[in-house]
Amino acid sequence: IAAAVAAQGGADRTAVVYAAASAGAAPDLAEAAESPAEETAELTLRNDVGLHARPAALLARTLADVDAEVRVRLGDSEVDARSVLGLMSLGARQGDTLHLDARGAQAAEAIRRAKELVETNFGE
């Protein structure tokens, strides 16, 4: 399902394969621990239906080529920002605040891209 949503959202072949492989996968904590740059953000969803399939696929695709691990947390749930199914499983709705943590060489770029999507209501 994750691969199908990524493909339908316009992702390239590599991103589709990544979506399929990472659906439900645990993060590689050893790799994350080696990443020097860290950025965080709190983003409040303003779009009408929250983080449903299309915005989740758009966020995952937008972060697919960024050299950073990005985690999204809502309440007690935390997922990989490149996992469409993970993002959808958060059940984030309008007015919910997402907590983003990014680690890696392009952590700041990852946060910037996510902020831009949320601020523009995912183009809706």
N, C-alpha and C. Protein backbone atom coordinates (compact mmCIF):
# COMPACT_ATOMS: atom_id res chain seq x y z
N ILE A 1 0.84 -1.19 0.00
CA ILE A 1 0.00 0.00 0.00
C ILE A 1 0.88 1.25 0.00
N ALA A 2 1.94 1.22 0.82
CA ALA A 2 2.82 2.39 0.88
C ALA A 2 3.43 2.68 -0.48
N ALA A 3 3.87 1.63 -1.18
CA ALA A 3 4.47 1.81 -2.50
C ALA A 3 3.44 2.34 -3.49
N ALA A 4 2.22 1.83 -3.42
CA ALA A 4 1.17 2.28 -4.34
C ALA A 4 0.84 3.75 -4.13
N VAL A 5 0.76 4.16 -2.87
CA VAL A 5 0.47 5.57 -2.57
C VAL A 5 1.61 6.44 -3.05
N ALA A 6 2.85 6.00 -2.82
CA ALA A 6 4.00 6.79 -3.26
C ALA A 6 4.01 6.91 -4.78
N ALA A 7 3.74 5.81 -5.47
CA ALA A 7 3.72 5.82 -6.93
C ALA A 7 2.61 6.73 -7.46
N GLN A 8 1.44 6.61 -6.87
CA GLN A 8 0.32 7.44 -7.30
C GLN A 8 0.60 8.91 -7.04
N GLY A 9 1.38 9.19 -6.02
CA GLY A 9 1.72 10.58 -5.69
C GLY A 9 2.82 11.15 -6.57
N GLY A 10 3.35 10.32 -7.50
CA GLY A 10 4.35 10.82 -8.43
C GLY A 10 5.79 10.52 -8.05
N ALA A 11 5.99 9.68 -7.03
CA ALA A 11 7.35 9.35 -6.62
C ALA A 11 8.08 8.57 -7.71
N ASP A 12 9.41 8.73 -7.75
CA ASP A 12 10.19 7.96 -8.71
C ASP A 12 10.35 6.52 -8.20
N ARG A 13 10.96 5.67 -9.03
CA ARG A 13 11.08 4.26 -8.72
C ARG A 13 11.82 4.02 -7.40
N THR A 14 12.88 4.76 -7.16
CA THR A 14 13.66 4.60 -5.93
C THR A 14 12.81 4.91 -4.70
N ALA A 15 12.05 5.98 -4.76
CA ALA A 15 11.20 6.36 -3.63
C ALA A 15 10.09 5.35 -3.41
N VAL A 16 9.56 4.76 -4.49
CA VAL A 16 8.52 3.74 -4.37
C VAL A 16 9.09 2.50 -3.69
N VAL A 17 10.28 2.08 -4.11
CA VAL A 17 10.93 0.93 -3.48
C VAL A 17 11.21 1.21 -2.01
N TYR A 18 11.68 2.42 -1.71
CA TYR A 18 11.95 2.80 -0.32
C TYR A 18 10.67 2.75 0.50
N ALA A 19 9.58 3.26 -0.04
CA ALA A 19 8.30 3.26 0.68
C ALA A 19 7.86 1.84 1.00
N ALA A 20 8.02 0.93 0.03
CA ALA A 20 7.65 -0.46 0.26
C ALA A 20 8.53 -1.11 1.31
N ALA A 21 9.83 -0.86 1.22
CA ALA A 21 10.78 -1.49 2.13
C ALA A 21 10.69 -0.95 3.55
N SER A 22 10.33 0.31 3.68
CA SER A 22 10.33 0.92 5.00
C SER A 22 8.98 0.89 5.69
N ALA A 23 7.95 0.40 5.03
CA ALA A 23 6.63 0.36 5.65
C ALA A 23 6.68 -0.48 6.92
N GLY A 24 6.49 0.16 8.04
CA GLY A 24 6.49 -0.54 9.31
C GLY A 24 7.86 -0.88 9.84
N ALA A 25 8.93 -0.48 9.16
CA ALA A 25 10.28 -0.81 9.61
C ALA A 25 10.71 0.07 10.76
N ALA A 26 11.50 -0.50 11.66
CA ALA A 26 12.05 0.27 12.78
C ALA A 26 13.22 1.10 12.28
N PRO A 27 13.48 2.25 12.89
CA PRO A 27 14.61 3.08 12.46
C PRO A 27 15.94 2.42 12.81
N ASP A 28 16.97 2.73 12.06
CA ASP A 28 18.31 2.26 12.35
C ASP A 28 18.92 3.23 13.36
N LEU A 29 18.82 2.88 14.64
CA LEU A 29 19.25 3.79 15.69
C LEU A 29 20.74 4.00 15.69
N ALA A 30 21.52 2.99 15.29
CA ALA A 30 22.98 3.16 15.24
C ALA A 30 23.34 4.22 14.22
N GLU A 31 22.70 4.19 13.06
CA GLU A 31 22.98 5.19 12.02
C GLU A 31 22.57 6.57 12.49
N ALA A 32 21.43 6.67 13.16
CA ALA A 32 20.95 7.97 13.64
C ALA A 32 21.90 8.55 14.68
N ALA A 33 22.48 7.69 15.50
CA ALA A 33 23.37 8.17 16.55
C ALA A 33 24.64 8.78 15.98
N GLU A 34 25.04 8.38 14.78
CA GLU A 34 26.25 8.90 14.16
C GLU A 34 26.03 10.23 13.46
N SER A 35 24.80 10.63 13.26
CA SER A 35 24.49 11.86 12.53
C SER A 35 24.69 13.07 13.42
N PRO A 36 25.58 14.00 13.03
CA PRO A 36 25.90 15.12 13.90
C PRO A 36 24.83 16.21 13.96
N ALA A 37 24.25 16.57 12.83
CA ALA A 37 23.32 17.71 12.81
C ALA A 37 21.93 17.27 13.27
N GLU A 38 21.33 18.09 14.12
CA GLU A 38 19.99 17.82 14.62
C GLU A 38 19.14 19.07 14.51
N GLU A 39 17.91 18.90 14.10
CA GLU A 39 16.95 20.01 14.01
C GLU A 39 15.61 19.49 14.50
N THR A 40 14.82 20.35 15.10
CA THR A 40 13.48 19.98 15.54
C THR A 40 12.51 21.07 15.14
N ALA A 41 11.25 20.69 15.08
CA ALA A 41 10.20 21.67 14.79
C ALA A 41 8.88 21.14 15.31
N GLU A 42 8.00 22.06 15.63
CA GLU A 42 6.62 21.73 15.96
C GLU A 42 5.75 22.40 14.90
N LEU A 43 4.96 21.59 14.21
CA LEU A 43 4.15 22.09 13.11
C LEU A 43 2.69 21.76 13.35
N THR A 44 1.84 22.76 13.32
CA THR A 44 0.41 22.55 13.54
C THR A 44 -0.30 22.45 12.20
N LEU A 45 -1.03 21.36 12.02
CA LEU A 45 -1.75 21.13 10.77
C LEU A 45 -2.96 22.06 10.68
N ARG A 46 -3.07 22.75 9.55
CA ARG A 46 -4.19 23.67 9.34
C ARG A 46 -5.11 23.21 8.22
N ASN A 47 -4.63 22.26 7.41
CA ASN A 47 -5.48 21.82 6.29
C ASN A 47 -6.69 21.06 6.83
N ASP A 48 -7.78 21.05 6.07
CA ASP A 48 -9.07 20.55 6.54
C ASP A 48 -9.07 19.12 7.05
N VAL A 49 -8.36 18.22 6.39
CA VAL A 49 -8.46 16.81 6.77
C VAL A 49 -7.18 16.25 7.37
N GLY A 50 -6.22 17.08 7.69
CA GLY A 50 -5.02 16.61 8.36
C GLY A 50 -4.09 15.81 7.46
N LEU A 51 -3.44 14.85 8.06
CA LEU A 51 -2.40 14.08 7.36
C LEU A 51 -2.99 12.80 6.76
N HIS A 52 -3.91 12.98 5.80
CA HIS A 52 -4.50 11.82 5.12
C HIS A 52 -3.55 11.35 4.02
N ALA A 53 -3.99 10.46 3.15
CA ALA A 53 -3.10 9.80 2.18
C ALA A 53 -2.30 10.76 1.30
N ARG A 54 -2.94 11.74 0.70
CA ARG A 54 -2.21 12.62 -0.22
C ARG A 54 -1.16 13.47 0.49
N PRO A 55 -1.50 14.16 1.58
CA PRO A 55 -0.45 14.91 2.27
C PRO A 55 0.65 14.02 2.84
N ALA A 56 0.29 12.84 3.32
CA ALA A 56 1.31 11.92 3.84
C ALA A 56 2.27 11.50 2.73
N ALA A 57 1.73 11.19 1.56
CA ALA A 57 2.57 10.81 0.42
C ALA A 57 3.42 11.99 -0.04
N LEU A 58 2.87 13.17 -0.02
CA LEU A 58 3.61 14.36 -0.42
C LEU A 58 4.77 14.63 0.54
N LEU A 59 4.52 14.51 1.83
CA LEU A 59 5.58 14.72 2.81
C LEU A 59 6.68 13.67 2.65
N ALA A 60 6.29 12.41 2.53
CA ALA A 60 7.28 11.34 2.37
C ALA A 60 8.11 11.54 1.10
N ARG A 61 7.46 11.90 0.01
CA ARG A 61 8.16 12.11 -1.26
C ARG A 61 9.09 13.32 -1.18
N THR A 62 8.65 14.37 -0.51
CA THR A 62 9.45 15.59 -0.37
C THR A 62 10.73 15.34 0.41
N LEU A 63 10.69 14.40 1.34
CA LEU A 63 11.85 14.11 2.18
C LEU A 63 12.69 12.94 1.67
N ALA A 64 12.24 12.28 0.62
CA ALA A 64 12.90 11.07 0.13
C ALA A 64 14.36 11.27 -0.26
N ASP A 65 14.70 12.42 -0.80
CA ASP A 65 16.07 12.63 -1.28
C ASP A 65 16.92 13.47 -0.34
N VAL A 66 16.44 13.73 0.87
CA VAL A 66 17.17 14.52 1.84
C VAL A 66 18.07 13.61 2.66
N ASP A 67 19.32 14.02 2.85
CA ASP A 67 20.28 13.24 3.62
C ASP A 67 20.08 13.50 5.11
N ALA A 68 18.97 12.95 5.63
CA ALA A 68 18.65 13.08 7.05
C ALA A 68 17.59 12.05 7.40
N GLU A 69 17.64 11.58 8.63
CA GLU A 69 16.57 10.74 9.15
C GLU A 69 15.58 11.70 9.80
N VAL A 70 14.32 11.58 9.43
CA VAL A 70 13.30 12.47 9.98
C VAL A 70 12.23 11.62 10.64
N ARG A 71 11.97 11.92 11.89
CA ARG A 71 10.95 11.23 12.67
C ARG A 71 9.83 12.22 12.97
N VAL A 72 8.59 11.72 12.93
CA VAL A 72 7.42 12.55 13.22
C VAL A 72 6.71 11.93 14.42
N ARG A 73 6.38 12.77 15.41
CA ARG A 73 5.72 12.29 16.61
C ARG A 73 4.42 13.05 16.81
N LEU A 74 3.40 12.29 17.18
CA LEU A 74 2.11 12.86 17.59
C LEU A 74 1.69 12.08 18.82
N GLY A 75 1.63 12.75 19.95
CA GLY A 75 1.32 12.06 21.19
C GLY A 75 2.41 11.05 21.51
N ASP A 76 2.01 9.81 21.77
CA ASP A 76 2.96 8.75 22.10
C ASP A 76 3.44 7.99 20.87
N SER A 77 2.94 8.32 19.70
CA SER A 77 3.30 7.61 18.47
C SER A 77 4.39 8.36 17.72
N GLU A 78 5.35 7.61 17.20
CA GLU A 78 6.44 8.20 16.43
C GLU A 78 6.71 7.32 15.22
N VAL A 79 6.90 7.95 14.05
CA VAL A 79 7.11 7.21 12.81
C VAL A 79 8.19 7.86 11.96
N ASP A 80 8.68 7.10 10.99
CA ASP A 80 9.61 7.59 9.98
C ASP A 80 8.83 8.49 9.03
N ALA A 81 9.32 9.70 8.79
CA ALA A 81 8.62 10.65 7.93
C ALA A 81 8.59 10.21 6.47
N ARG A 82 9.38 9.21 6.10
CA ARG A 82 9.37 8.71 4.72
C ARG A 82 8.40 7.54 4.54
N SER A 83 7.72 7.16 5.59
CA SER A 83 6.76 6.06 5.53
C SER A 83 5.34 6.61 5.42
N VAL A 84 4.75 6.45 4.26
CA VAL A 84 3.39 6.96 4.05
C VAL A 84 2.43 6.29 5.02
N LEU A 85 2.52 4.97 5.16
CA LEU A 85 1.63 4.27 6.09
C LEU A 85 1.87 4.71 7.52
N GLY A 86 3.13 4.90 7.88
CA GLY A 86 3.44 5.37 9.22
C GLY A 86 2.82 6.72 9.49
N LEU A 87 2.98 7.64 8.55
CA LEU A 87 2.41 8.98 8.71
C LEU A 87 0.88 8.92 8.83
N MET A 88 0.26 8.10 7.99
CA MET A 88 -1.19 7.98 8.05
C MET A 88 -1.65 7.35 9.36
N SER A 89 -0.83 6.43 9.90
CA SER A 89 -1.21 5.75 11.14
C SER A 89 -1.25 6.70 12.34
N LEU A 90 -0.62 7.86 12.23
CA LEU A 90 -0.66 8.83 13.32
C LEU A 90 -2.08 9.37 13.55
N GLY A 91 -2.88 9.36 12.49
CA GLY A 91 -4.25 9.88 12.60
C GLY A 91 -4.28 11.38 12.86
N ALA A 92 -3.28 12.10 12.37
CA ALA A 92 -3.19 13.54 12.61
C ALA A 92 -4.30 14.28 11.87
N ARG A 93 -4.99 15.14 12.62
CA ARG A 93 -6.10 15.91 12.07
C ARG A 93 -5.83 17.40 12.14
N GLN A 94 -6.69 18.16 11.52
CA GLN A 94 -6.57 19.61 11.57
C GLN A 94 -6.47 20.06 13.02
N GLY A 95 -5.49 20.93 13.30
CA GLY A 95 -5.28 21.44 14.64
C GLY A 95 -4.27 20.66 15.46
N ASP A 96 -3.92 19.43 15.03
CA ASP A 96 -2.91 18.64 15.74
C ASP A 96 -1.52 19.23 15.48
N THR A 97 -0.65 19.12 16.48
CA THR A 97 0.73 19.59 16.35
C THR A 97 1.66 18.40 16.23
N LEU A 98 2.38 18.36 15.12
CA LEU A 98 3.37 17.32 14.87
C LEU A 98 4.72 17.78 15.38
N HIS A 99 5.47 16.88 15.98
CA HIS A 99 6.83 17.17 16.45
C HIS A 99 7.78 16.47 15.50
N LEU A 100 8.65 17.20 14.85
CA LEU A 100 9.61 16.63 13.90
C LEU A 100 11.01 16.70 14.49
N ASP A 101 11.73 15.61 14.34
CA ASP A 101 13.13 15.53 14.73
C ASP A 101 13.90 15.06 13.51
N ALA A 102 14.91 15.81 13.11
CA ALA A 102 15.71 15.44 11.94
C ALA A 102 17.18 15.36 12.36
N ARG A 103 17.86 14.32 11.87
CA ARG A 103 19.29 14.14 12.13
C ARG A 103 19.98 13.82 10.82
N GLY A 104 21.13 14.42 10.63
CA GLY A 104 21.91 14.13 9.44
C GLY A 104 22.42 15.41 8.80
N ALA A 105 23.16 15.21 7.73
CA ALA A 105 23.80 16.33 7.05
C ALA A 105 22.82 17.39 6.58
N GLN A 106 21.61 16.98 6.18
CA GLN A 106 20.62 17.93 5.67
C GLN A 106 19.41 18.05 6.60
N ALA A 107 19.64 17.95 7.89
CA ALA A 107 18.54 18.03 8.85
C ALA A 107 17.78 19.35 8.73
N ALA A 108 18.49 20.45 8.61
CA ALA A 108 17.83 21.75 8.49
C ALA A 108 16.99 21.84 7.22
N GLU A 109 17.50 21.28 6.13
CA GLU A 109 16.74 21.26 4.87
C GLU A 109 15.48 20.43 5.00
N ALA A 110 15.57 19.31 5.68
CA ALA A 110 14.39 18.46 5.88
C ALA A 110 13.31 19.21 6.65
N ILE A 111 13.69 19.89 7.71
CA ILE A 111 12.73 20.65 8.50
C ILE A 111 12.15 21.79 7.67
N ARG A 112 12.99 22.47 6.89
CA ARG A 112 12.51 23.57 6.05
C ARG A 112 11.45 23.07 5.06
N ARG A 113 11.71 21.93 4.43
CA ARG A 113 10.75 21.38 3.46
C ARG A 113 9.44 20.99 4.13
N ALA A 114 9.52 20.37 5.30
CA ALA A 114 8.30 19.97 6.01
C ALA A 114 7.50 21.20 6.42
N LYS A 115 8.18 22.23 6.93
CA LYS A 115 7.49 23.46 7.33
C LYS A 115 6.77 24.08 6.14
N GLU A 116 7.45 24.12 5.00
CA GLU A 116 6.85 24.71 3.81
C GLU A 116 5.57 23.98 3.41
N LEU A 117 5.59 22.65 3.47
CA LEU A 117 4.39 21.88 3.13
C LEU A 117 3.24 22.20 4.08
N VAL A 118 3.53 22.22 5.38
CA VAL A 118 2.48 22.48 6.36
C VAL A 118 1.96 23.91 6.22
N GLU A 119 2.87 24.87 6.02
CA GLU A 119 2.45 26.27 5.90
C GLU A 119 1.61 26.53 4.66
N THR A 120 1.79 25.73 3.62
CA THR A 120 1.01 25.88 2.40
C THR A 120 -0.16 24.88 2.34
N ASN A 121 -0.46 24.26 3.49
CA ASN A 121 -1.56 23.31 3.60
C ASN A 121 -1.47 22.18 2.58
N PHE A 122 -0.22 21.76 2.30
CA PHE A 122 0.04 20.65 1.38
C PHE A 122 -0.56 20.91 0.01
N GLY A 123 -0.70 22.18 -0.35
CA GLY A 123 -1.22 22.54 -1.66
C GLY A 123 -2.72 22.34 -1.81
N GLU A 124 -3.41 22.15 -0.71
CA GLU A 124 -4.87 21.92 -0.79
C GLU A 124 -5.62 23.23 -0.83
